[in-house]
């Protein structure tokens, strides 16, 4: 189950992408790369620049350590959002 902090940070990531991207932005995007399935927390696509930005939200250390999205090579730019305690 998703925590309130995770959900809030995903929403903030989407707002940030909407401010930076002009074409497509979405949360919880399913990605299929080299027969592997991933789910990114937020993705923005700029068709003119041929650019893909992926934002991953990590609220806990264990979530950060088990993530495959950050270690893949299918995005132009990858960002990480974490809460400040």
N, C-alpha and C. Protein backbone atom coordinates (compact mmCIF):
# COMPACT_ATOMS: atom_id res chain seq x y z
N UNK A 1 0.84 -1.18 0.00
CA UNK A 1 0.00 0.00 0.00
C UNK A 1 0.88 1.25 0.00
N UNK A 2 0.45 2.22 -0.74
CA UNK A 2 1.22 3.45 -0.90
C UNK A 2 1.00 4.40 0.28
N UNK A 3 2.09 4.96 0.80
CA UNK A 3 1.97 5.89 1.93
C UNK A 3 1.54 7.27 1.43
N UNK A 4 1.10 8.09 2.38
CA UNK A 4 0.68 9.46 2.02
C UNK A 4 1.86 10.26 1.50
N UNK A 5 3.03 10.06 2.09
CA UNK A 5 4.23 10.78 1.66
C UNK A 5 4.60 10.41 0.22
N UNK A 6 4.52 9.12 -0.09
CA UNK A 6 4.85 8.66 -1.45
C UNK A 6 3.86 9.25 -2.46
N UNK A 7 2.60 9.21 -2.13
CA UNK A 7 1.57 9.74 -3.04
C UNK A 7 1.75 11.25 -3.24
N UNK A 8 2.03 11.97 -2.17
CA UNK A 8 2.24 13.41 -2.26
C UNK A 8 3.44 13.76 -3.13
N UNK A 9 4.54 13.03 -2.94
CA UNK A 9 5.74 13.29 -3.73
C UNK A 9 5.55 12.94 -5.20
N UNK A 10 4.75 11.92 -5.50
CA UNK A 10 4.44 11.59 -6.89
C UNK A 10 3.65 12.72 -7.56
N UNK A 11 2.72 13.29 -6.81
CA UNK A 11 1.95 14.42 -7.33
C UNK A 11 2.86 15.62 -7.58
N UNK A 12 3.77 15.88 -6.66
CA UNK A 12 4.72 16.99 -6.84
C UNK A 12 5.63 16.74 -8.04
N UNK A 13 6.02 15.50 -8.26
CA UNK A 13 6.85 15.15 -9.42
C UNK A 13 6.10 15.43 -10.71
N UNK A 14 4.82 15.09 -10.74
CA UNK A 14 4.01 15.34 -11.93
C UNK A 14 3.88 16.83 -12.20
N UNK A 15 3.65 17.62 -11.16
CA UNK A 15 3.57 19.08 -11.33
C UNK A 15 4.89 19.64 -11.86
N UNK A 16 6.00 19.13 -11.36
CA UNK A 16 7.31 19.59 -11.82
C UNK A 16 7.51 19.25 -13.30
N UNK A 17 7.13 18.02 -13.68
CA UNK A 17 7.26 17.63 -15.07
C UNK A 17 6.36 18.46 -15.98
N UNK A 18 5.15 18.76 -15.52
CA UNK A 18 4.25 19.59 -16.33
C UNK A 18 4.84 20.96 -16.57
N UNK A 19 5.58 21.48 -15.59
CA UNK A 19 6.23 22.77 -15.76
C UNK A 19 7.42 22.71 -16.70
N UNK A 20 8.07 21.55 -16.80
CA UNK A 20 9.27 21.41 -17.63
C UNK A 20 8.99 20.81 -19.01
N UNK A 21 7.96 20.02 -19.11
CA UNK A 21 7.65 19.32 -20.36
C UNK A 21 6.46 19.97 -21.04
N UNK A 22 6.42 19.90 -22.33
CA UNK A 22 5.32 20.50 -23.07
C UNK A 22 4.38 19.49 -23.69
N UNK A 23 4.78 18.23 -23.78
CA UNK A 23 3.98 17.28 -24.54
C UNK A 23 3.20 16.27 -23.68
N UNK A 24 3.88 15.36 -23.00
CA UNK A 24 3.20 14.29 -22.27
C UNK A 24 3.78 14.13 -20.87
N UNK A 25 2.89 13.97 -19.88
CA UNK A 25 3.30 13.69 -18.50
C UNK A 25 2.30 12.73 -17.89
N UNK A 26 2.80 11.79 -17.10
CA UNK A 26 1.89 10.83 -16.45
C UNK A 26 2.56 10.22 -15.22
N UNK A 27 1.71 9.75 -14.30
CA UNK A 27 2.15 9.01 -13.11
C UNK A 27 1.91 7.53 -13.31
N UNK A 28 2.68 6.71 -12.59
CA UNK A 28 2.52 5.25 -12.61
C UNK A 28 2.54 4.69 -14.04
N UNK A 29 3.62 4.93 -14.75
CA UNK A 29 3.74 4.52 -16.15
C UNK A 29 4.43 3.15 -16.21
N UNK A 30 3.79 2.22 -16.93
CA UNK A 30 4.37 0.89 -17.11
C UNK A 30 5.32 0.94 -18.30
N UNK A 31 6.53 0.44 -18.08
CA UNK A 31 7.57 0.43 -19.11
C UNK A 31 7.98 -1.01 -19.40
N UNK A 32 8.14 -1.32 -20.65
CA UNK A 32 8.58 -2.65 -21.07
C UNK A 32 9.87 -2.49 -21.87
N UNK A 33 10.98 -2.92 -21.28
CA UNK A 33 12.28 -2.76 -21.92
C UNK A 33 13.04 -4.09 -21.84
N UNK A 34 13.48 -4.57 -22.96
CA UNK A 34 14.27 -5.81 -23.03
C UNK A 34 13.60 -6.95 -22.25
N UNK A 35 12.31 -7.12 -22.47
CA UNK A 35 11.51 -8.18 -21.84
C UNK A 35 11.38 -8.04 -20.33
N UNK A 36 11.66 -6.87 -19.82
CA UNK A 36 11.48 -6.62 -18.39
C UNK A 36 10.39 -5.58 -18.22
N UNK A 37 9.65 -5.71 -17.13
CA UNK A 37 8.58 -4.77 -16.84
C UNK A 37 8.99 -3.88 -15.67
N UNK A 38 8.79 -2.59 -15.86
CA UNK A 38 9.07 -1.61 -14.83
C UNK A 38 7.86 -0.71 -14.68
N UNK A 39 7.76 -0.06 -13.54
CA UNK A 39 6.73 0.95 -13.36
C UNK A 39 7.40 2.18 -12.78
N UNK A 40 7.38 3.27 -13.54
CA UNK A 40 7.98 4.52 -13.11
C UNK A 40 6.93 5.36 -12.38
N UNK A 41 7.36 6.08 -11.35
CA UNK A 41 6.42 6.91 -10.59
C UNK A 41 5.91 8.09 -11.41
N UNK A 42 6.76 8.73 -12.21
CA UNK A 42 6.34 9.82 -13.08
C UNK A 42 7.24 9.86 -14.30
N UNK A 43 6.63 10.12 -15.47
CA UNK A 43 7.38 10.19 -16.72
C UNK A 43 6.93 11.41 -17.50
N UNK A 44 7.89 12.12 -18.07
CA UNK A 44 7.60 13.25 -18.94
C UNK A 44 8.31 13.05 -20.26
N UNK A 45 7.61 13.37 -21.37
CA UNK A 45 8.18 13.20 -22.70
C UNK A 45 8.08 14.51 -23.47
N UNK A 46 9.19 14.93 -24.02
CA UNK A 46 9.22 16.10 -24.89
C UNK A 46 9.52 15.58 -26.30
N UNK A 47 8.51 15.61 -27.18
CA UNK A 47 8.66 15.05 -28.51
C UNK A 47 9.59 15.88 -29.39
N UNK A 48 9.59 17.18 -29.20
CA UNK A 48 10.43 18.06 -30.02
C UNK A 48 11.92 17.81 -29.76
N UNK A 49 12.27 17.66 -28.49
CA UNK A 49 13.67 17.42 -28.12
C UNK A 49 14.04 15.94 -28.09
N UNK A 50 13.05 15.08 -28.31
CA UNK A 50 13.24 13.63 -28.23
C UNK A 50 13.86 13.27 -26.89
N UNK A 51 13.17 13.68 -25.84
CA UNK A 51 13.69 13.55 -24.49
C UNK A 51 12.67 12.87 -23.59
N UNK A 52 13.16 11.96 -22.76
CA UNK A 52 12.31 11.28 -21.78
C UNK A 52 12.91 11.52 -20.40
N UNK A 53 12.07 11.96 -19.47
CA UNK A 53 12.51 12.16 -18.08
C UNK A 53 11.70 11.25 -17.18
N UNK A 54 12.40 10.53 -16.34
CA UNK A 54 11.73 9.64 -15.38
C UNK A 54 12.05 10.12 -13.98
N UNK A 55 11.00 10.20 -13.16
CA UNK A 55 11.18 10.56 -11.76
C UNK A 55 10.73 9.39 -10.90
N UNK A 56 11.60 8.98 -10.02
CA UNK A 56 11.30 7.92 -9.06
C UNK A 56 11.20 8.53 -7.67
N UNK A 57 10.17 8.16 -6.94
CA UNK A 57 9.97 8.63 -5.57
C UNK A 57 10.39 7.52 -4.63
N UNK A 58 11.25 7.85 -3.70
CA UNK A 58 11.74 6.88 -2.71
C UNK A 58 11.54 7.45 -1.32
N UNK A 59 10.66 6.83 -0.56
CA UNK A 59 10.36 7.29 0.79
C UNK A 59 11.18 6.52 1.82
N UNK A 60 11.51 5.27 1.51
CA UNK A 60 12.28 4.46 2.45
C UNK A 60 13.59 3.99 1.80
N UNK A 61 14.54 3.67 2.62
CA UNK A 61 15.83 3.19 2.13
C UNK A 61 15.68 1.84 1.43
N UNK A 62 14.83 0.98 1.95
CA UNK A 62 14.64 -0.34 1.34
C UNK A 62 14.03 -0.21 -0.06
N UNK A 63 13.14 0.74 -0.24
CA UNK A 63 12.56 0.98 -1.56
C UNK A 63 13.65 1.44 -2.53
N UNK A 64 14.54 2.29 -2.07
CA UNK A 64 15.65 2.77 -2.90
C UNK A 64 16.57 1.62 -3.32
N UNK A 65 16.88 0.74 -2.40
CA UNK A 65 17.82 -0.35 -2.68
C UNK A 65 17.28 -1.40 -3.64
N UNK A 66 15.98 -1.61 -3.65
CA UNK A 66 15.41 -2.66 -4.50
C UNK A 66 14.94 -2.15 -5.87
N UNK A 67 15.16 -0.89 -6.20
CA UNK A 67 14.62 -0.31 -7.42
C UNK A 67 15.43 -0.69 -8.65
N UNK A 68 14.73 -1.13 -9.70
CA UNK A 68 15.36 -1.44 -10.98
C UNK A 68 15.29 -0.28 -11.96
N UNK A 69 14.35 0.62 -11.77
CA UNK A 69 14.16 1.73 -12.72
C UNK A 69 15.37 2.64 -12.75
N UNK A 70 15.93 2.93 -11.59
CA UNK A 70 17.08 3.84 -11.54
C UNK A 70 18.33 3.24 -12.17
N UNK A 71 18.41 1.93 -12.24
CA UNK A 71 19.60 1.26 -12.77
C UNK A 71 19.46 0.88 -14.24
N UNK A 72 18.36 1.26 -14.87
CA UNK A 72 18.15 0.94 -16.28
C UNK A 72 18.65 2.08 -17.16
N UNK A 73 18.65 1.84 -18.47
CA UNK A 73 19.21 2.83 -19.39
C UNK A 73 18.22 3.28 -20.47
N UNK A 74 16.94 3.38 -20.15
CA UNK A 74 15.96 3.73 -21.17
C UNK A 74 15.44 5.15 -21.07
N UNK A 75 15.99 5.97 -20.21
CA UNK A 75 15.56 7.37 -20.11
C UNK A 75 16.72 8.30 -20.42
N UNK A 76 16.39 9.45 -20.97
CA UNK A 76 17.40 10.47 -21.22
C UNK A 76 17.89 11.03 -19.89
N UNK A 77 16.96 11.31 -18.98
CA UNK A 77 17.28 11.87 -17.68
C UNK A 77 16.47 11.15 -16.61
N UNK A 78 17.11 10.78 -15.50
CA UNK A 78 16.42 10.16 -14.37
C UNK A 78 16.60 11.03 -13.14
N UNK A 79 15.51 11.25 -12.43
CA UNK A 79 15.52 12.07 -11.21
C UNK A 79 15.02 11.23 -10.05
N UNK A 80 15.46 11.58 -8.87
CA UNK A 80 15.06 10.89 -7.66
C UNK A 80 14.51 11.93 -6.68
N UNK A 81 13.34 11.64 -6.12
CA UNK A 81 12.73 12.53 -5.13
C UNK A 81 12.62 11.77 -3.83
N UNK A 82 13.12 12.38 -2.76
CA UNK A 82 13.03 11.78 -1.43
C UNK A 82 12.52 12.83 -0.44
N UNK A 83 11.86 12.40 0.60
CA UNK A 83 11.41 13.36 1.62
C UNK A 83 12.56 13.82 2.50
N UNK A 84 12.41 14.98 3.08
CA UNK A 84 13.38 15.52 4.04
C UNK A 84 12.76 15.40 5.43
N UNK A 85 13.45 14.71 6.30
CA UNK A 85 12.94 14.54 7.67
C UNK A 85 13.75 15.35 8.62
